[in-house]
Amino acid sequence: MGDSKPPGRIAFLGDFPPRLCGIATFTKDLCEAVVAAAPDSQCFVAAVNDRAEGYDYPERVWLELQEKELGS
């Protein structure tokens, strides 16, 4: 890799806290590790909701998708 730069934007798609599941925890931990390793990249999340009202997500979540709606 040498002189290669990380991408300017990195998106993560998955469950995300405060949703309570292992995938949400994994997605958050992975995202934060990438943020630490590539501080000049803009990292954001498209969170998958399992309930219609969604969750009170942190700023890193830019988009919400409904788990049971393929069109979302």
PDB file of N, CA and C in Angstrom:
ATOM      1  N   MET A   1       0.826  -1.185   0.000  1.00  0.00           N
ATOM      2  CA  MET A   1       0.000   0.000   0.000  1.00  0.00           C
ATOM      3  C   MET A   1       0.868   1.245   0.000  1.00  0.00           C
ATOM      4  N   GLY A   2       1.895   1.288   0.770  1.00  0.00           N
ATOM      5  CA  GLY A   2       2.824   2.401   0.727  1.00  0.00           C
ATOM      6  C   GLY A   2       2.216   3.772   0.900  1.00  0.00           C
ATOM      7  N   ASP A   3       2.208   4.546  -0.191  1.00  0.00           N
ATOM      8  CA  ASP A   3       1.757   5.934  -0.144  1.00  0.00           C
ATOM      9  C   ASP A   3       0.266   6.105  -0.412  1.00  0.00           C
ATOM     10  N   SER A   4      -0.493   5.033  -0.482  1.00  0.00           N
ATOM     11  CA  SER A   4      -1.919   5.174  -0.782  1.00  0.00           C
ATOM     12  C   SER A   4      -2.646   5.854   0.371  1.00  0.00           C
ATOM     13  N   LYS A   5      -3.614   6.686   0.006  1.00  0.00           N
ATOM     14  CA  LYS A   5      -4.411   7.395   1.001  1.00  0.00           C
ATOM     15  C   LYS A   5      -5.746   6.687   1.179  1.00  0.00           C
ATOM     16  N   PRO A   6      -6.312   6.726   2.388  1.00  0.00           N
ATOM     17  CA  PRO A   6      -7.646   6.156   2.565  1.00  0.00           C
ATOM     18  C   PRO A   6      -8.672   6.988   1.800  1.00  0.00           C
ATOM     19  N   PRO A   7      -9.814   6.397   1.479  1.00  0.00           N
ATOM     20  CA  PRO A   7     -10.838   7.149   0.757  1.00  0.00           C
ATOM     21  C   PRO A   7     -11.333   8.341   1.565  1.00  0.00           C
ATOM     22  N   GLY A   8     -11.857   9.336   0.878  1.00  0.00           N
ATOM     23  CA  GLY A   8     -12.354  10.537   1.547  1.00  0.00           C
ATOM     24  C   GLY A   8     -13.615  10.280   2.349  1.00  0.00           C
ATOM     25  N   ARG A   9     -14.438   9.336   1.882  1.00  0.00           N
ATOM     26  CA  ARG A   9     -15.680   8.982   2.588  1.00  0.00           C
ATOM     27  C   ARG A   9     -15.753   7.471   2.726  1.00  0.00           C
ATOM     28  N   ILE A  10     -16.175   7.038   3.915  1.00  0.00           N
ATOM     29  CA  ILE A  10     -16.338   5.610   4.174  1.00  0.00           C
ATOM     30  C   ILE A  10     -17.711   5.416   4.807  1.00  0.00           C
ATOM     31  N   ALA A  11     -18.521   4.562   4.192  1.00  0.00           N
ATOM     32  CA  ALA A  11     -19.870   4.302   4.695  1.00  0.00           C
ATOM     33  C   ALA A  11     -19.946   2.911   5.312  1.00  0.00           C
ATOM     34  N   PHE A  12     -20.704   2.824   6.385  1.00  0.00           N
ATOM     35  CA  PHE A  12     -20.963   1.553   7.052  1.00  0.00           C
ATOM     36  C   PHE A  12     -22.464   1.311   7.020  1.00  0.00           C
ATOM     37  N   LEU A  13     -22.857   0.114   6.681  1.00  0.00           N
ATOM     38  CA  LEU A  13     -24.265  -0.262   6.636  1.00  0.00           C
ATOM     39  C   LEU A  13     -24.481  -1.410   7.611  1.00  0.00           C
ATOM     40  N   GLY A  14     -25.351  -1.190   8.592  1.00  0.00           N
ATOM     41  CA  GLY A  14     -25.634  -2.250   9.556  1.00  0.00           C
ATOM     42  C   GLY A  14     -26.428  -1.718  10.727  1.00  0.00           C
ATOM     43  N   ASP A  15     -26.725  -2.600  11.647  1.00  0.00           N
ATOM     44  CA  ASP A  15     -27.363  -2.177  12.889  1.00  0.00           C
ATOM     45  C   ASP A  15     -26.385  -1.282  13.634  1.00  0.00           C
ATOM     46  N   PHE A  16     -26.908  -0.398  14.478  1.00  0.00           N
ATOM     47  CA  PHE A  16     -26.044   0.544  15.192  1.00  0.00           C
ATOM     48  C   PHE A  16     -26.699   0.910  16.517  1.00  0.00           C
ATOM     49  N   PRO A  17     -25.902   1.058  17.585  1.00  0.00           N
ATOM     50  CA  PRO A  17     -26.478   1.452  18.875  1.00  0.00           C
ATOM     51  C   PRO A  17     -27.187   2.799  18.773  1.00  0.00           C
ATOM     52  N   PRO A  18     -28.273   2.964  19.457  1.00  0.00           N
ATOM     53  CA  PRO A  18     -28.704   2.237  20.646  1.00  0.00           C
ATOM     54  C   PRO A  18     -29.475   0.954  20.414  1.00  0.00           C
ATOM     55  N   ARG A  19     -29.633   0.504  19.156  1.00  0.00           N
ATOM     56  CA  ARG A  19     -30.238  -0.817  18.941  1.00  0.00           C
ATOM     57  C   ARG A  19     -29.377  -1.834  19.670  1.00  0.00           C
ATOM     58  N   LEU A  20     -30.017  -2.734  20.400  1.00  0.00           N
ATOM     59  CA  LEU A  20     -29.296  -3.696  21.233  1.00  0.00           C
ATOM     60  C   LEU A  20     -29.135  -5.030  20.513  1.00  0.00           C
ATOM     61  N   CYS A  21     -27.987  -5.201  19.880  1.00  0.00           N
ATOM     62  CA  CYS A  21     -27.648  -6.493  19.274  1.00  0.00           C
ATOM     63  C   CYS A  21     -26.145  -6.511  19.007  1.00  0.00           C
ATOM     64  N   GLY A  22     -25.628  -7.691  18.808  1.00  0.00           N
ATOM     65  CA  GLY A  22     -24.188  -7.835  18.589  1.00  0.00           C
ATOM     66  C   GLY A  22     -23.710  -7.175  17.311  1.00  0.00           C
ATOM     67  N   ILE A  23     -24.528  -7.211  16.266  1.00  0.00           N
ATOM     68  CA  ILE A  23     -24.145  -6.574  15.006  1.00  0.00           C
ATOM     69  C   ILE A  23     -24.026  -5.059  15.197  1.00  0.00           C
ATOM     70  N   ALA A  24     -24.934  -4.467  15.977  1.00  0.00           N
ATOM     71  CA  ALA A  24     -24.871  -3.020  16.253  1.00  0.00           C
ATOM     72  C   ALA A  24     -23.567  -2.670  16.953  1.00  0.00           C
ATOM     73  N   THR A  25     -23.205  -3.459  17.936  1.00  0.00           N
ATOM     74  CA  THR A  25     -21.952  -3.221  18.663  1.00  0.00           C
ATOM     75  C   THR A  25     -20.757  -3.390  17.736  1.00  0.00           C
ATOM     76  N   PHE A  26     -20.766  -4.424  16.908  1.00  0.00           N
ATOM     77  CA  PHE A  26     -19.679  -4.649  15.959  1.00  0.00           C
ATOM     78  C   PHE A  26     -19.550  -3.488  14.979  1.00  0.00           C
ATOM     79  N   THR A  27     -20.668  -3.038  14.414  1.00  0.00           N
ATOM     80  CA  THR A  27     -20.638  -1.940  13.446  1.00  0.00           C
ATOM     81  C   THR A  27     -20.056  -0.681  14.082  1.00  0.00           C
ATOM     82  N   LYS A  28     -20.483  -0.370  15.306  1.00  0.00           N
ATOM     83  CA  LYS A  28     -19.961   0.807  16.007  1.00  0.00           C
ATOM     84  C   LYS A  28     -18.463   0.669  16.254  1.00  0.00           C
ATOM     85  N   ASP A  29     -18.026  -0.483  16.774  1.00  0.00           N
ATOM     86  CA  ASP A  29     -16.602  -0.694  17.062  1.00  0.00           C
ATOM     87  C   ASP A  29     -15.759  -0.624  15.797  1.00  0.00           C
ATOM     88  N   LEU A  30     -16.242  -1.219  14.709  1.00  0.00           N
ATOM     89  CA  LEU A  30     -15.516  -1.170  13.445  1.00  0.00           C
ATOM     90  C   LEU A  30     -15.413   0.258  12.925  1.00  0.00           C
ATOM     91  N   CYS A  31     -16.516   0.981  12.965  1.00  0.00           N
ATOM     92  CA  CYS A  31     -16.533   2.368  12.498  1.00  0.00           C
ATOM     93  C   CYS A  31     -15.559   3.218  13.306  1.00  0.00           C
ATOM     94  N   GLU A  32     -15.576   3.084  14.614  1.00  0.00           N
ATOM     95  CA  GLU A  32     -14.689   3.883  15.457  1.00  0.00           C
ATOM     96  C   GLU A  32     -13.221   3.519  15.239  1.00  0.00           C
ATOM     97  N   ALA A  33     -12.937   2.251  14.968  1.00  0.00           N
ATOM     98  CA  ALA A  33     -11.558   1.845  14.668  1.00  0.00           C
ATOM     99  C   ALA A  33     -11.080   2.465  13.361  1.00  0.00           C
ATOM    100  N   VAL A  34     -11.951   2.506  12.362  1.00  0.00           N
ATOM    101  CA  VAL A  34     -11.589   3.118  11.080  1.00  0.00           C
ATOM    102  C   VAL A  34     -11.413   4.621  11.256  1.00  0.00           C
ATOM    103  N   VAL A  35     -12.262   5.258  12.035  1.00  0.00           N
ATOM    104  CA  VAL A  35     -12.121   6.697  12.313  1.00  0.00           C
ATOM    105  C   VAL A  35     -10.751   6.980  12.941  1.00  0.00           C
ATOM    106  N   ALA A  36     -10.343   6.133  13.865  1.00  0.00           N
ATOM    107  CA  ALA A  36      -9.043   6.319  14.525  1.00  0.00           C
ATOM    108  C   ALA A  36      -7.882   6.081  13.556  1.00  0.00           C
ATOM    109  N   ALA A  37      -8.029   5.109  12.658  1.00  0.00           N
ATOM    110  CA  ALA A  37      -6.953   4.772  11.717  1.00  0.00           C
ATOM    111  C   ALA A  37      -6.891   5.716  10.520  1.00  0.00           C
ATOM    112  N   ALA A  38      -8.017   6.330  10.182  1.00  0.00           N
ATOM    113  CA  ALA A  38      -8.082   7.222   9.016  1.00  0.00           C
ATOM    114  C   ALA A  38      -8.784   8.519   9.406  1.00  0.00           C
ATOM    115  N   PRO A  39      -8.137   9.330  10.250  1.00  0.00           N
ATOM    116  CA  PRO A  39      -8.798  10.524  10.781  1.00  0.00           C
ATOM    117  C   PRO A  39      -9.183  11.564   9.728  1.00  0.00           C
ATOM    118  N   ASP A  40      -8.577  11.510   8.560  1.00  0.00           N
ATOM    119  CA  ASP A  40      -8.921  12.472   7.507  1.00  0.00           C
ATOM    120  C   ASP A  40     -10.117  12.026   6.664  1.00  0.00           C
ATOM    121  N   SER A  41     -10.579  10.804   6.878  1.00  0.00           N
ATOM    122  CA  SER A  41     -11.743  10.295   6.147  1.00  0.00           C
ATOM    123  C   SER A  41     -13.025  10.683   6.877  1.00  0.00           C
ATOM    124  N   GLN A  42     -14.069  10.854   6.120  1.00  0.00           N
ATOM    125  CA  GLN A  42     -15.384  11.153   6.680  1.00  0.00           C
ATOM    126  C   GLN A  42     -16.141   9.824   6.760  1.00  0.00           C
ATOM    127  N   CYS A  43     -16.363   9.340   7.977  1.00  0.00           N
ATOM    128  CA  CYS A  43     -17.031   8.058   8.178  1.00  0.00           C
ATOM    129  C   CYS A  43     -18.471   8.297   8.632  1.00  0.00           C
ATOM    130  N   PHE A  44     -19.394   7.578   8.006  1.00  0.00           N
ATOM    131  CA  PHE A  44     -20.793   7.710   8.403  1.00  0.00           C
ATOM    132  C   PHE A  44     -21.485   6.357   8.313  1.00  0.00           C
ATOM    133  N   VAL A  45     -22.674   6.278   8.908  1.00  0.00           N
ATOM    134  CA  VAL A  45     -23.393   5.016   9.020  1.00  0.00           C
ATOM    135  C   VAL A  45     -24.787   5.146   8.422  1.00  0.00           C
ATOM    136  N   ALA A  46     -25.205   4.104   7.718  1.00  0.00           N
ATOM    137  CA  ALA A  46     -26.601   3.906   7.334  1.00  0.00           C
ATOM    138  C   ALA A  46     -27.103   2.791   8.251  1.00  0.00           C
ATOM    139  N   ALA A  47     -27.918   3.164   9.227  1.00  0.00           N
ATOM    140  CA  ALA A  47     -28.363   2.223  10.249  1.00  0.00           C
ATOM    141  C   ALA A  47     -29.631   1.503   9.811  1.00  0.00           C
ATOM    142  N   VAL A  48     -29.723   0.247  10.181  1.00  0.00           N
ATOM    143  CA  VAL A  48     -30.889  -0.573   9.857  1.00  0.00           C
ATOM    144  C   VAL A  48     -31.793  -0.643  11.088  1.00  0.00           C
ATOM    145  N   ASN A  49     -33.028  -0.181  10.918  1.00  0.00           N
ATOM    146  CA  ASN A  49     -33.997  -0.170  12.017  1.00  0.00           C
ATOM    147  C   ASN A  49     -34.837  -1.439  12.017  1.00  0.00           C
ATOM    148  N   ASP A  50     -35.145  -1.922  13.198  1.00  0.00           N
ATOM    149  CA  ASP A  50     -36.044  -3.061  13.339  1.00  0.00           C
ATOM    150  C   ASP A  50     -37.409  -2.634  13.878  1.00  0.00           C
ATOM    151  N   ARG A  51     -37.608  -1.329  13.996  1.00  0.00           N
ATOM    152  CA  ARG A  51     -38.904  -0.806  14.436  1.00  0.00           C
ATOM    153  C   ARG A  51     -39.170   0.502  13.693  1.00  0.00           C
ATOM    154  N   ALA A  52     -40.432   0.747  13.411  1.00  0.00           N
ATOM    155  CA  ALA A  52     -40.833   1.883  12.570  1.00  0.00           C
ATOM    156  C   ALA A  52     -40.394   3.228  13.133  1.00  0.00           C
ATOM    157  N   GLU A  53     -40.415   3.392  14.438  1.00  0.00           N
ATOM    158  CA  GLU A  53     -40.049   4.680  15.037  1.00  0.00           C
ATOM    159  C   GLU A  53     -38.541   4.923  15.071  1.00  0.00           C
ATOM    160  N   GLY A  54     -37.758   3.928  14.725  1.00  0.00           N
ATOM    161  CA  GLY A  54     -36.311   4.100  14.700  1.00  0.00           C
ATOM    162  C   GLY A  54     -35.729   4.251  16.089  1.00  0.00           C
ATOM    163  N   TYR A  55     -34.552   4.883  16.155  1.00  0.00           N
ATOM    164  CA  TYR A  55     -33.832   5.065  17.414  1.00  0.00           C
ATOM    165  C   TYR A  55     -33.279   6.486  17.460  1.00  0.00           C
ATOM    166  N   ASP A  56     -32.828   6.876  18.617  1.00  0.00           N
ATOM    167  CA  ASP A  56     -32.181   8.171  18.794  1.00  0.00           C
ATOM    168  C   ASP A  56     -30.686   7.972  18.543  1.00  0.00           C
ATOM    169  N   TYR A  57     -30.314   8.014  17.279  1.00  0.00           N
ATOM    170  CA  TYR A  57     -28.940   7.719  16.876  1.00  0.00           C
ATOM    171  C   TYR A  57     -28.008   8.913  17.101  1.00  0.00           C
ATOM    172  N   PRO A  58     -26.699   8.629  17.233  1.00  0.00           N
ATOM    173  CA  PRO A  58     -25.713   9.709  17.293  1.00  0.00           C
ATOM    174  C   PRO A  58     -25.530  10.354  15.913  1.00  0.00           C
ATOM    175  N   GLU A  59     -24.789  11.445  15.874  1.00  0.00           N
ATOM    176  CA  GLU A  59     -24.569  12.206  14.630  1.00  0.00           C
ATOM    177  C   GLU A  59     -23.947  11.390  13.506  1.00  0.00           C
ATOM    178  N   ARG A  60     -23.189  10.371  13.836  1.00  0.00           N
ATOM    179  CA  ARG A  60     -22.512   9.579  12.811  1.00  0.00           C
ATOM    180  C   ARG A  60     -23.507   8.869  11.895  1.00  0.00           C
ATOM    181  N   VAL A  61     -24.729   8.635  12.370  1.00  0.00           N
ATOM    182  CA  VAL A  61     -25.761   7.984  11.549  1.00  0.00           C
ATOM    183  C   VAL A  61     -26.415   9.039  10.672  1.00  0.00           C
ATOM    184  N   TRP A  62     -26.224   8.915   9.361  1.00  0.00           N
ATOM    185  CA  TRP A  62     -26.755   9.883   8.392  1.00  0.00           C
ATOM    186  C   TRP A  62     -28.020   9.403   7.725  1.00  0.00           C
ATOM    187  N   LEU A  63     -28.266   8.093   7.763  1.00  0.00           N
ATOM    188  CA  LEU A  63     -29.371   7.521   7.015  1.00  0.00           C
ATOM    189  C   LEU A  63     -29.933   6.349   7.798  1.00  0.00           C
ATOM    190  N   GLU A  64     -31.244   6.172   7.740  1.00  0.00           N
ATOM    191  CA  GLU A  64     -31.892   5.040   8.386  1.00  0.00           C
ATOM    192  C   GLU A  64     -32.642   4.227   7.341  1.00  0.00           C
ATOM    193  N   LEU A  65     -32.495   2.917   7.410  1.00  0.00           N
ATOM    194  CA  LEU A  65     -33.185   1.984   6.528  1.00  0.00           C
ATOM    195  C   LEU A  65     -34.101   1.104   7.371  1.00  0.00           C
ATOM    196  N   GLN A  66     -35.261   0.758   6.821  1.00  0.00           N
ATOM    197  CA  GLN A  66     -36.174  -0.134   7.530  1.00  0.00           C
ATOM    198  C   GLN A  66     -35.861  -1.584   7.164  1.00  0.00           C
ATOM    199  N   GLU A  67     -35.642  -2.377   8.171  1.00  0.00           N
ATOM    200  CA  GLU A  67     -35.216  -3.774   7.995  1.00  0.00           C
ATOM    201  C   GLU A  67     -36.165  -4.588   7.110  1.00  0.00           C
ATOM    202  N   LYS A  68     -37.450  -4.384   7.243  1.00  0.00           N
ATOM    203  CA  LYS A  68     -38.437  -5.207   6.520  1.00  0.00           C
ATOM    204  C   LYS A  68     -38.915  -4.563   5.221  1.00  0.00           C
ATOM    205  N   GLU A  69     -38.350  -3.418   4.828  1.00  0.00           N
ATOM    206  CA  GLU A  69     -38.760  -2.729   3.608  1.00  0.00           C
ATOM    207  C   GLU A  69     -37.596  -2.687   2.628  1.00  0.00           C
ATOM    208  N   LEU A  70     -37.610  -3.593   1.674  1.00  0.00           N
ATOM    209  CA  LEU A  70     -36.489  -3.681   0.723  1.00  0.00           C
ATOM    210  C   LEU A  70     -36.290  -2.390  -0.052  1.00  0.00           C
ATOM    211  N   GLY A  71     -37.341  -1.636  -0.289  1.00  0.00           N
ATOM    212  CA  GLY A  71     -37.240  -0.387  -1.035  1.00  0.00           C
ATOM    213  C   GLY A  71     -36.518   0.719  -0.282  1.00  0.00           C
ATOM    214  N   SER A  72     -36.385   0.576   1.018  1.00  0.00           N
ATOM    215  CA  SER A  72     -35.727   1.649   1.775  1.00  0.00           C
ATOM    216  C   SER A  72     -34.233   1.611   1.554  1.00  0.00           C
TER     217      SER A  72
END
